[in-house]
Amino acid sequence: MTVIGFLSTAPVVEDSMAEEVANAVAALEDYDVAYETGPMGTTIEAESTDELFAAAQAAHDAIDAERVSTVFKIDDKRTSDHTARDKVKAVESHLGREAKSDGT
């Protein structure tokens, strides 16, 4: 089974959050998960909800700030074993192209 999560965690500060977000992403390396970080959060794939929750907790805890904001969304489709990439491919199949623009 593949469980997919979307994690957005960051310190609540006025300055750049990049260093603390990097600490959160680095914390994922201690877990048996696959992940991809984008501009608004990180998609995480794990074999179990236990591993997914543990990785998200570690990422949240890795941020050294007086206040931390975390949003965590989970897709636990128990009847199939689709990856995050499979989900994107399905959308691209309907689009007939990649699900991104060239920015123009």
PDB file of N, CA and C in Angstrom:
ATOM      1  N   MET A   1       0.847  -1.177   0.000  1.00  0.00           N
ATOM      2  CA  MET A   1       0.000   0.000   0.000  1.00  0.00           C
ATOM      3  C   MET A   1       0.890   1.236   0.000  1.00  0.00           C
ATOM      4  N   THR A   2       0.540   2.215  -0.783  1.00  0.00           N
ATOM      5  CA  THR A   2       1.222   3.503  -0.770  1.00  0.00           C
ATOM      6  C   THR A   2       0.277   4.540  -0.202  1.00  0.00           C
ATOM      7  N   VAL A   3       0.743   5.255   0.798  1.00  0.00           N
ATOM      8  CA  VAL A   3      -0.012   6.357   1.386  1.00  0.00           C
ATOM      9  C   VAL A   3       0.683   7.639   0.941  1.00  0.00           C
ATOM     10  N   ILE A   4      -0.095   8.606   0.461  1.00  0.00           N
ATOM     11  CA  ILE A   4       0.463   9.855  -0.037  1.00  0.00           C
ATOM     12  C   ILE A   4       0.038  10.992   0.885  1.00  0.00           C
ATOM     13  N   GLY A   5       0.990  11.833   1.216  1.00  0.00           N
ATOM     14  CA  GLY A   5       0.694  12.992   2.041  1.00  0.00           C
ATOM     15  C   GLY A   5       1.237  14.253   1.405  1.00  0.00           C
ATOM     16  N   PHE A   6       0.616  15.369   1.732  1.00  0.00           N
ATOM     17  CA  PHE A   6       1.118  16.674   1.311  1.00  0.00           C
ATOM     18  C   PHE A   6       1.357  17.473   2.579  1.00  0.00           C
ATOM     19  N   LEU A   7       2.599  17.886   2.782  1.00  0.00           N
ATOM     20  CA  LEU A   7       3.006  18.580   4.000  1.00  0.00           C
ATOM     21  C   LEU A   7       3.509  19.978   3.671  1.00  0.00           C
ATOM     22  N   SER A   8       2.956  20.943   4.357  1.00  0.00           N
ATOM     23  CA  SER A   8       3.440  22.321   4.285  1.00  0.00           C
ATOM     24  C   SER A   8       3.702  22.756   5.717  1.00  0.00           C
ATOM     25  N   THR A   9       4.967  22.932   6.051  1.00  0.00           N
ATOM     26  CA  THR A   9       5.332  23.343   7.395  1.00  0.00           C
ATOM     27  C   THR A   9       6.385  24.432   7.322  1.00  0.00           C
ATOM     28  N   ALA A  10       6.232  25.453   8.144  1.00  0.00           N
ATOM     29  CA  ALA A  10       7.151  26.595   8.096  1.00  0.00           C
ATOM     30  C   ALA A  10       7.047  27.386   9.387  1.00  0.00           C
ATOM     31  N   PRO A  11       8.116  28.096   9.705  1.00  0.00           N
ATOM     32  CA  PRO A  11       8.039  28.987  10.866  1.00  0.00           C
ATOM     33  C   PRO A  11       7.165  30.189  10.522  1.00  0.00           C
ATOM     34  N   VAL A  12       6.536  30.741  11.516  1.00  0.00           N
ATOM     35  CA  VAL A  12       5.750  31.951  11.318  1.00  0.00           C
ATOM     36  C   VAL A  12       6.691  33.119  11.626  1.00  0.00           C
ATOM     37  N   VAL A  13       7.304  33.664  10.576  1.00  0.00           N
ATOM     38  CA  VAL A  13       8.287  34.745  10.699  1.00  0.00           C
ATOM     39  C   VAL A  13       8.113  35.715   9.541  1.00  0.00           C
ATOM     40  N   GLU A  14       8.666  36.890   9.683  1.00  0.00           N
ATOM     41  CA  GLU A  14       8.619  37.893   8.621  1.00  0.00           C
ATOM     42  C   GLU A  14       9.737  37.691   7.599  1.00  0.00           C
ATOM     43  N   ASP A  15      10.879  37.167   8.045  1.00  0.00           N
ATOM     44  CA  ASP A  15      12.032  36.972   7.169  1.00  0.00           C
ATOM     45  C   ASP A  15      11.887  35.685   6.359  1.00  0.00           C
ATOM     46  N   SER A  16      12.935  35.341   5.636  1.00  0.00           N
ATOM     47  CA  SER A  16      12.942  34.121   4.835  1.00  0.00           C
ATOM     48  C   SER A  16      12.726  32.887   5.702  1.00  0.00           C
ATOM     49  N   MET A  17      11.941  31.964   5.188  1.00  0.00           N
ATOM     50  CA  MET A  17      11.668  30.709   5.866  1.00  0.00           C
ATOM     51  C   MET A  17      12.515  29.571   5.307  1.00  0.00           C
ATOM     52  N   ALA A  18      13.279  29.835   4.264  1.00  0.00           N
ATOM     53  CA  ALA A  18      13.960  28.790   3.501  1.00  0.00           C
ATOM     54  C   ALA A  18      14.855  27.897   4.354  1.00  0.00           C
ATOM     55  N   GLU A  19      15.633  28.462   5.256  1.00  0.00           N
ATOM     56  CA  GLU A  19      16.550  27.648   6.051  1.00  0.00           C
ATOM     57  C   GLU A  19      15.786  26.662   6.938  1.00  0.00           C
ATOM     58  N   GLU A  20      14.740  27.127   7.583  1.00  0.00           N
ATOM     59  CA  GLU A  20      13.965  26.244   8.452  1.00  0.00           C
ATOM     60  C   GLU A  20      13.181  25.212   7.652  1.00  0.00           C
ATOM     61  N   VAL A  21      12.672  25.601   6.492  1.00  0.00           N
ATOM     62  CA  VAL A  21      11.987  24.630   5.634  1.00  0.00           C
ATOM     63  C   VAL A  21      12.986  23.565   5.177  1.00  0.00           C
ATOM     64  N   ALA A  22      14.209  23.975   4.870  1.00  0.00           N
ATOM     65  CA  ALA A  22      15.256  23.009   4.499  1.00  0.00           C
ATOM     66  C   ALA A  22      15.513  22.025   5.644  1.00  0.00           C
ATOM     67  N   ASN A  23      15.499  22.507   6.875  1.00  0.00           N
ATOM     68  CA  ASN A  23      15.669  21.620   8.032  1.00  0.00           C
ATOM     69  C   ASN A  23      14.533  20.597   8.089  1.00  0.00           C
ATOM     70  N   ALA A  24      13.330  21.041   7.805  1.00  0.00           N
ATOM     71  CA  ALA A  24      12.172  20.134   7.813  1.00  0.00           C
ATOM     72  C   ALA A  24      12.309  19.074   6.721  1.00  0.00           C
ATOM     73  N   VAL A  25      12.708  19.487   5.533  1.00  0.00           N
ATOM     74  CA  VAL A  25      12.884  18.540   4.430  1.00  0.00           C
ATOM     75  C   VAL A  25      14.004  17.554   4.759  1.00  0.00           C
ATOM     76  N   ALA A  26      15.091  18.041   5.323  1.00  0.00           N
ATOM     77  CA  ALA A  26      16.214  17.162   5.687  1.00  0.00           C
ATOM     78  C   ALA A  26      15.793  16.115   6.711  1.00  0.00           C
ATOM     79  N   ALA A  27      14.872  16.460   7.592  1.00  0.00           N
ATOM     80  CA  ALA A  27      14.406  15.514   8.616  1.00  0.00           C
ATOM     81  C   ALA A  27      13.716  14.305   7.999  1.00  0.00           C
ATOM     82  N   LEU A  28      13.188  14.446   6.798  1.00  0.00           N
ATOM     83  CA  LEU A  28      12.514  13.327   6.129  1.00  0.00           C
ATOM     84  C   LEU A  28      13.485  12.212   5.765  1.00  0.00           C
ATOM     85  N   GLU A  29      14.763  12.536   5.642  1.00  0.00           N
ATOM     86  CA  GLU A  29      15.770  11.551   5.253  1.00  0.00           C
ATOM     87  C   GLU A  29      15.900  10.416   6.265  1.00  0.00           C
ATOM     88  N   ASP A  30      15.483  10.637   7.494  1.00  0.00           N
ATOM     89  CA  ASP A  30      15.583   9.610   8.535  1.00  0.00           C
ATOM     90  C   ASP A  30      14.440   8.599   8.472  1.00  0.00           C
ATOM     91  N   TYR A  31      13.565   8.723   7.490  1.00  0.00           N
ATOM     92  CA  TYR A  31      12.391   7.859   7.388  1.00  0.00           C
ATOM     93  C   TYR A  31      12.357   7.161   6.034  1.00  0.00           C
ATOM     94  N   ASP A  32      11.673   6.051   5.983  1.00  0.00           N
ATOM     95  CA  ASP A  32      11.561   5.268   4.759  1.00  0.00           C
ATOM     96  C   ASP A  32      10.418   5.830   3.911  1.00  0.00           C
ATOM     97  N   VAL A  33      10.635   7.036   3.393  1.00  0.00           N
ATOM     98  CA  VAL A  33       9.630   7.706   2.571  1.00  0.00           C
ATOM     99  C   VAL A  33      10.300   8.249   1.311  1.00  0.00           C
ATOM    100  N   ALA A  34       9.502   8.434   0.287  1.00  0.00           N
ATOM    101  CA  ALA A  34       9.927   9.156  -0.904  1.00  0.00           C
ATOM    102  C   ALA A  34       9.264  10.517  -0.830  1.00  0.00           C
ATOM    103  N   TYR A  35       9.950  11.549  -1.306  1.00  0.00           N
ATOM    104  CA  TYR A  35       9.345  12.872  -1.238  1.00  0.00           C
ATOM    105  C   TYR A  35       9.815  13.749  -2.386  1.00  0.00           C
ATOM    106  N   GLU A  36       9.004  14.759  -2.674  1.00  0.00           N
ATOM    107  CA  GLU A  36       9.346  15.780  -3.670  1.00  0.00           C
ATOM    108  C   GLU A  36       8.852  17.113  -3.139  1.00  0.00           C
ATOM    109  N   THR A  37       9.766  18.057  -3.043  1.00  0.00           N
ATOM    110  CA  THR A  37       9.431  19.373  -2.519  1.00  0.00           C
ATOM    111  C   THR A  37       9.138  20.337  -3.658  1.00  0.00           C
ATOM    112  N   GLY A  38       8.043  21.074  -3.510  1.00  0.00           N
ATOM    113  CA  GLY A  38       7.664  22.106  -4.460  1.00  0.00           C
ATOM    114  C   GLY A  38       7.627  23.450  -3.747  1.00  0.00           C
ATOM    115  N   PRO A  39       7.171  24.488  -4.415  1.00  0.00           N
ATOM    116  CA  PRO A  39       7.197  25.820  -3.824  1.00  0.00           C
ATOM    117  C   PRO A  39       6.212  26.022  -2.670  1.00  0.00           C
ATOM    118  N   MET A  40       5.197  25.190  -2.565  1.00  0.00           N
ATOM    119  CA  MET A  40       4.172  25.375  -1.534  1.00  0.00           C
ATOM    120  C   MET A  40       4.115  24.236  -0.526  1.00  0.00           C
ATOM    121  N   GLY A  41       4.950  23.201  -0.713  1.00  0.00           N
ATOM    122  CA  GLY A  41       4.927  22.082   0.202  1.00  0.00           C
ATOM    123  C   GLY A  41       5.640  20.880  -0.366  1.00  0.00           C
ATOM    124  N   THR A  42       5.568  19.784   0.362  1.00  0.00           N
ATOM    125  CA  THR A  42       6.277  18.564  -0.004  1.00  0.00           C
ATOM    126  C   THR A  42       5.298  17.397  -0.072  1.00  0.00           C
ATOM    127  N   THR A  43       5.328  16.672  -1.183  1.00  0.00           N
ATOM    128  CA  THR A  43       4.550  15.453  -1.335  1.00  0.00           C
ATOM    129  C   THR A  43       5.398  14.310  -0.791  1.00  0.00           C
ATOM    130  N   ILE A  44       4.808  13.502   0.078  1.00  0.00           N
ATOM    131  CA  ILE A  44       5.517  12.400   0.723  1.00  0.00           C
ATOM    132  C   ILE A  44       4.761  11.109   0.455  1.00  0.00           C
ATOM    133  N   GLU A  45       5.500  10.049   0.113  1.00  0.00           N
ATOM    134  CA  GLU A  45       4.909   8.732  -0.074  1.00  0.00           C
ATOM    135  C   GLU A  45       5.531   7.762   0.926  1.00  0.00           C
ATOM    136  N   ALA A  46       4.709   6.945   1.552  1.00  0.00           N
ATOM    137  CA  ALA A  46       5.172   5.953   2.515  1.00  0.00           C
ATOM    138  C   ALA A  46       4.361   4.673   2.347  1.00  0.00           C
ATOM    139  N   GLU A  47       4.851   3.614   2.949  1.00  0.00           N
ATOM    140  CA  GLU A  47       4.145   2.332   2.892  1.00  0.00           C
ATOM    141  C   GLU A  47       3.045   2.232   3.943  1.00  0.00           C
ATOM    142  N   SER A  48       3.100   3.085   4.966  1.00  0.00           N
ATOM    143  CA  SER A  48       2.083   3.013   6.008  1.00  0.00           C
ATOM    144  C   SER A  48       1.786   4.404   6.555  1.00  0.00           C
ATOM    145  N   THR A  49       0.626   4.544   7.154  1.00  0.00           N
ATOM    146  CA  THR A  49       0.293   5.820   7.783  1.00  0.00           C
ATOM    147  C   THR A  49       1.208   6.075   8.975  1.00  0.00           C
ATOM    148  N   ASP A  50       1.632   5.019   9.658  1.00  0.00           N
ATOM    149  CA  ASP A  50       2.549   5.208  10.787  1.00  0.00           C
ATOM    150  C   ASP A  50       3.831   5.909  10.343  1.00  0.00           C
ATOM    151  N   GLU A  51       4.412   5.419   9.246  1.00  0.00           N
ATOM    152  CA  GLU A  51       5.656   6.013   8.735  1.00  0.00           C
ATOM    153  C   GLU A  51       5.409   7.429   8.225  1.00  0.00           C
ATOM    154  N   LEU A  52       4.278   7.641   7.569  1.00  0.00           N
ATOM    155  CA  LEU A  52       3.944   8.961   7.054  1.00  0.00           C
ATOM    156  C   LEU A  52       3.779   9.970   8.185  1.00  0.00           C
ATOM    157  N   PHE A  53       3.031   9.606   9.214  1.00  0.00           N
ATOM    158  CA  PHE A  53       2.843  10.502  10.360  1.00  0.00           C
ATOM    159  C   PHE A  53       4.157  10.780  11.084  1.00  0.00           C
ATOM    160  N   ALA A  54       4.983   9.756  11.239  1.00  0.00           N
ATOM    161  CA  ALA A  54       6.268   9.935  11.926  1.00  0.00           C
ATOM    162  C   ALA A  54       7.160  10.899  11.153  1.00  0.00           C
ATOM    163  N   ALA A  55       7.196  10.764   9.839  1.00  0.00           N
ATOM    164  CA  ALA A  55       8.012  11.656   9.014  1.00  0.00           C
ATOM    165  C   ALA A  55       7.497  13.093   9.090  1.00  0.00           C
ATOM    166  N   ALA A  56       6.185  13.263   9.025  1.00  0.00           N
ATOM    167  CA  ALA A  56       5.599  14.607   9.109  1.00  0.00           C
ATOM    168  C   ALA A  56       5.873  15.230  10.471  1.00  0.00           C
ATOM    169  N   GLN A  57       5.779  14.439  11.533  1.00  0.00           N
ATOM    170  CA  GLN A  57       6.072  14.935  12.882  1.00  0.00           C
ATOM    171  C   GLN A  57       7.528  15.390  12.984  1.00  0.00           C
ATOM    172  N   ALA A  58       8.431  14.598  12.419  1.00  0.00           N
ATOM    173  CA  ALA A  58       9.851  14.956  12.453  1.00  0.00           C
ATOM    174  C   ALA A  58      10.116  16.244  11.690  1.00  0.00           C
ATOM    175  N   ALA A  59       9.462  16.406  10.548  1.00  0.00           N
ATOM    176  CA  ALA A  59       9.638  17.636   9.762  1.00  0.00           C
ATOM    177  C   ALA A  59       9.128  18.839  10.548  1.00  0.00           C
ATOM    178  N   HIS A  60       7.980  18.701  11.159  1.00  0.00           N
ATOM    179  CA  HIS A  60       7.414  19.778  11.979  1.00  0.00           C
ATOM    180  C   HIS A  60       8.366  20.126  13.128  1.00  0.00           C
ATOM    181  N   ASP A  61       8.849  19.102  13.822  1.00  0.00           N
ATOM    182  CA  ASP A  61       9.727  19.312  14.973  1.00  0.00           C
ATOM    183  C   ASP A  61      11.092  19.878  14.590  1.00  0.00           C
ATOM    184  N   ALA A  62      11.511  19.678  13.351  1.00  0.00           N
ATOM    185  CA  ALA A  62      12.831  20.148  12.899  1.00  0.00           C
ATOM    186  C   ALA A  62      12.896  21.663  12.745  1.00  0.00           C
ATOM    187  N   ILE A  63      11.755  22.313  12.738  1.00  0.00           N
ATOM    188  CA  ILE A  63      11.734  23.774  12.587  1.00  0.00           C
ATOM    189  C   ILE A  63      11.957  24.419  13.948  1.00  0.00           C
ATOM    190  N   ASP A  64      13.017  25.212  14.018  1.00  0.00           N
ATOM    191  CA  ASP A  64      13.389  25.895  15.259  1.00  0.00           C
ATOM    192  C   ASP A  64      12.815  27.307  15.226  1.00  0.00           C
ATOM    193  N   ALA A  65      11.621  27.451  15.783  1.00  0.00           N
ATOM    194  CA  ALA A  65      10.958  28.755  15.803  1.00  0.00           C
ATOM    195  C   ALA A  65       9.998  28.810  16.981  1.00  0.00           C
ATOM    196  N   GLU A  66       9.647  30.014  17.365  1.00  0.00           N
ATOM    197  CA  GLU A  66       8.689  30.186  18.458  1.00  0.00           C
ATOM    198  C   GLU A  66       7.286  29.765  18.042  1.00  0.00           C
ATOM    199  N   ARG A  67       7.016  29.847  16.734  1.00  0.00           N
ATOM    200  CA  ARG A  67       5.698  29.480  16.223  1.00  0.00           C
ATOM    201  C   ARG A  67       5.890  28.770  14.892  1.00  0.00           C
ATOM    202  N   VAL A  68       5.219  27.631  14.726  1.00  0.00           N
ATOM    203  CA  VAL A  68       5.324  26.828  13.506  1.00  0.00           C
ATOM    204  C   VAL A  68       3.922  26.560  12.982  1.00  0.00           C
ATOM    205  N   SER A  69       3.733  26.750  11.691  1.00  0.00           N
ATOM    206  CA  SER A  69       2.456  26.462  11.053  1.00  0.00           C
ATOM    207  C   SER A  69       2.626  25.235  10.163  1.00  0.00           C
ATOM    208  N   THR A  70       1.750  24.233  10.348  1.00  0.00           N
ATOM    209  CA  THR A  70       1.829  23.007   9.564  1.00  0.00           C
ATOM    210  C   THR A  70       0.444  22.631   9.053  1.00  0.00           C
ATOM    211  N   VAL A  71       0.387  22.304   7.766  1.00  0.00           N
ATOM    212  CA  VAL A  71      -0.813  21.765   7.140  1.00  0.00           C
ATOM    213  C   VAL A  71      -0.419  20.410   6.574  1.00  0.00           C
ATOM    214  N   PHE A  72      -1.218  19.375   6.864  1.00  0.00           N
ATOM    215  CA  PHE A  72      -0.890  18.016   6.437  1.00  0.00           C
ATOM    216  C   PHE A  72      -2.141  17.364   5.867  1.00  0.00           C
ATOM    217  N   LYS A  73      -2.062  16.953   4.620  1.00  0.00           N
ATOM    218  CA  LYS A  73      -3.183  16.322   3.931  1.00  0.00           C
ATOM    219  C   LYS A  73      -2.769  14.903   3.546  1.00  0.00           C
ATOM    220  N   ILE A  74      -3.672  13.931   3.741  1.00  0.00           N
ATOM    221  CA  ILE A  74      -3.340  12.529   3.500  1.00  0.00           C
ATOM    222  C   ILE A  74      -4.331  11.893   2.530  1.00  0.00           C
ATOM    223  N   ASP A  75      -3.790  11.109   1.583  1.00  0.00           N
ATOM    224  CA  ASP A  75      -4.606  10.281   0.691  1.00  0.00           C
ATOM    225  C   ASP A  75      -4.251   8.835   0.999  1.00  0.00           C
ATOM    226  N   ASP A  76      -5.132   8.156   1.707  1.00  0.00           N
ATOM    227  CA  ASP A  76      -4.917   6.776   2.114  1.00  0.00           C
ATOM    228  C   ASP A  76      -5.922   5.901   1.378  1.00  0.00           C
ATOM    229  N   LYS A  77      -5.694   5.699   0.086  1.00  0.00           N
ATOM    230  CA  LYS A  77      -6.594   4.884  -0.727  1.00  0.00           C
ATOM    231  C   LYS A  77      -6.224   3.419  -0.527  1.00  0.00           C
ATOM    232  N   ARG A  78      -6.995   2.740   0.249  1.00  0.00           N
ATOM    233  CA  ARG A  78      -6.645   1.404   0.721  1.00  0.00           C
ATOM    234  C   ARG A  78      -6.932   0.290  -0.271  1.00  0.00           C
ATOM    235  N   THR A  79      -7.603   0.615  -1.372  1.00  0.00           N
ATOM    236  CA  THR A  79      -7.968  -0.417  -2.343  1.00  0.00           C
ATOM    237  C   THR A  79      -7.016  -0.486  -3.529  1.00  0.00           C
ATOM    238  N   SER A  80      -6.016   0.383  -3.586  1.00  0.00           N
ATOM    239  CA  SER A  80      -5.062   0.341  -4.693  1.00  0.00           C
ATOM    240  C   SER A  80      -3.709   0.839  -4.215  1.00  0.00           C
ATOM    241  N   ASP A  81      -2.725   0.655  -5.056  1.00  0.00           N
ATOM    242  CA  ASP A  81      -1.355   1.010  -4.701  1.00  0.00           C
ATOM    243  C   ASP A  81      -0.786   1.981  -5.744  1.00  0.00           C
ATOM    244  N   HIS A  82      -1.404   3.137  -5.878  1.00  0.00           N
ATOM    245  CA  HIS A  82      -0.955   4.129  -6.844  1.00  0.00           C
ATOM    246  C   HIS A  82       0.003   5.115  -6.183  1.00  0.00           C
ATOM    247  N   THR A  83       1.006   5.516  -6.945  1.00  0.00           N
ATOM    248  CA  THR A  83       1.970   6.490  -6.454  1.00  0.00           C
ATOM    249  C   THR A  83       1.508   7.899  -6.801  1.00  0.00           C
ATOM    250  N   ALA A  84       2.177   8.879  -6.241  1.00  0.00           N
ATOM    251  CA  ALA A  84       1.882  10.274  -6.577  1.00  0.00           C
ATOM    252  C   ALA A  84       2.102  10.505  -8.067  1.00  0.00           C
ATOM    253  N   ARG A  85       3.157   9.931  -8.615  1.00  0.00           N
ATOM    254  CA  ARG A  85       3.439  10.096 -10.051  1.00  0.00           C
ATOM    255  C   ARG A  85       2.312   9.490 -10.891  1.00  0.00           C
ATOM    256  N   ASP A  86       1.768   8.349 -10.465  1.00  0.00           N
ATOM    257  CA  ASP A  86       0.644   7.734 -11.183  1.00  0.00           C
ATOM    258  C   ASP A  86      -0.546   8.686 -11.244  1.00  0.00           C
ATOM    259  N   LYS A  87      -0.791   9.392 -10.155  1.00  0.00           N
ATOM    260  CA  LYS A  87      -1.909  10.334 -10.109  1.00  0.00           C
ATOM    261  C   LYS A  87      -1.696  11.482 -11.101  1.00  0.00           C
ATOM    262  N   VAL A  88      -0.473  11.971 -11.183  1.00  0.00           N
ATOM    263  CA  VAL A  88      -0.152  13.048 -12.124  1.00  0.00           C
ATOM    264  C   VAL A  88      -0.266  12.536 -13.555  1.00  0.00           C
ATOM    265  N   LYS A  89       0.230  11.330 -13.811  1.00  0.00           N
ATOM    266  CA  LYS A  89       0.151  10.745 -15.153  1.00  0.00           C
ATOM    267  C   LYS A  89      -1.301  10.625 -15.615  1.00  0.00           C
ATOM    268  N   ALA A  90      -2.207  10.279 -14.709  1.00  0.00           N
ATOM    269  CA  ALA A  90      -3.622  10.147 -15.070  1.00  0.00           C
ATOM    270  C   ALA A  90      -4.189  11.487 -15.526  1.00  0.00           C
ATOM    271  N   VAL A  91      -3.831  12.560 -14.835  1.00  0.00           N
ATOM    272  CA  VAL A  91      -4.277  13.897 -15.232  1.00  0.00           C
ATOM    273  C   VAL A  91      -3.663  14.259 -16.585  1.00  0.00           C
ATOM    274  N   GLU A  92      -2.373  13.982 -16.749  1.00  0.00           N
ATOM    275  CA  GLU A  92      -1.702  14.302 -18.013  1.00  0.00           C
ATOM    276  C   GLU A  92      -2.295  13.525 -19.178  1.00  0.00           C
ATOM    277  N   SER A  93      -2.753  12.307 -18.931  1.00  0.00           N
ATOM    278  CA  SER A  93      -3.400  11.502 -19.965  1.00  0.00           C
ATOM    279  C   SER A  93      -4.655  12.200 -20.476  1.00  0.00           C
ATOM    280  N   HIS A  94      -5.420  12.769 -19.574  1.00  0.00           N
ATOM    281  CA  HIS A  94      -6.639  13.488 -19.968  1.00  0.00           C
ATOM    282  C   HIS A  94      -6.309  14.816 -20.643  1.00  0.00           C
ATOM    283  N   LEU A  95      -5.237  15.450 -20.197  1.00  0.00           N
ATOM    284  CA  LEU A  95      -4.820  16.707 -20.827  1.00  0.00           C
ATOM    285  C   LEU A  95      -4.206  16.485 -22.202  1.00  0.00           C
ATOM    286  N   GLY A  96      -3.564  15.342 -22.384  1.00  0.00           N
ATOM    287  CA  GLY A  96      -2.853  15.070 -23.615  1.00  0.00           C
ATOM    288  C   GLY A  96      -1.483  15.742 -23.648  1.00  0.00           C
ATOM    289  N   ARG A  97      -0.991  16.146 -22.468  1.00  0.00           N
ATOM    290  CA  ARG A  97       0.304  16.816 -22.364  1.00  0.00           C
ATOM    291  C   ARG A  97       0.728  16.808 -20.899  1.00  0.00           C
ATOM    292  N   GLU A  98       1.939  17.318 -20.642  1.00  0.00           N
ATOM    293  CA  GLU A  98       2.395  17.464 -19.264  1.00  0.00           C
ATOM    294  C   GLU A  98       1.514  18.457 -18.518  1.00  0.00           C
ATOM    295  N   ALA A  99       1.375  18.264 -17.230  1.00  0.00           N
ATOM    296  CA  ALA A  99       0.523  19.134 -16.406  1.00  0.00           C
ATOM    297  C   ALA A  99       1.325  20.300 -15.871  1.00  0.00           C
ATOM    298  N   LYS A 100       1.942  21.042 -16.782  1.00  0.00           N
ATOM    299  CA  LYS A 100       2.661  22.259 -16.422  1.00  0.00           C
ATOM    300  C   LYS A 100       2.790  23.126 -17.666  1.00  0.00           C
ATOM    301  N   SER A 101       3.044  24.396 -17.436  1.00  0.00           N
ATOM    302  CA  SER A 101       3.226  25.304 -18.567  1.00  0.00           C
ATOM    303  C   SER A 101       4.687  25.698 -18.649  1.00  0.00           C
ATOM    304  N   ASP A 102       5.035  26.389 -19.710  1.00  0.00           N
ATOM    305  CA  ASP A 102       6.410  26.857 -19.852  1.00  0.00           C
ATOM    306  C   ASP A 102       6.599  28.248 -19.248  1.00  0.00           C
ATOM    307  N   GLY A 103       5.550  28.749 -18.600  1.00  0.00           N
ATOM    308  CA  GLY A 103       5.645  30.033 -17.905  1.00  0.00           C
ATOM    309  C   GLY A 103       5.400  31.254 -18.765  1.00  0.00           C
ATOM    310  N   THR A 104       4.991  31.049 -19.994  1.00  0.00           N
ATOM    311  CA  THR A 104       4.722  32.208 -20.858  1.00  0.00           C
ATOM    312  C   THR A 104       3.250  32.410 -21.068  1.00  0.00           C
TER     313      THR A 104
END
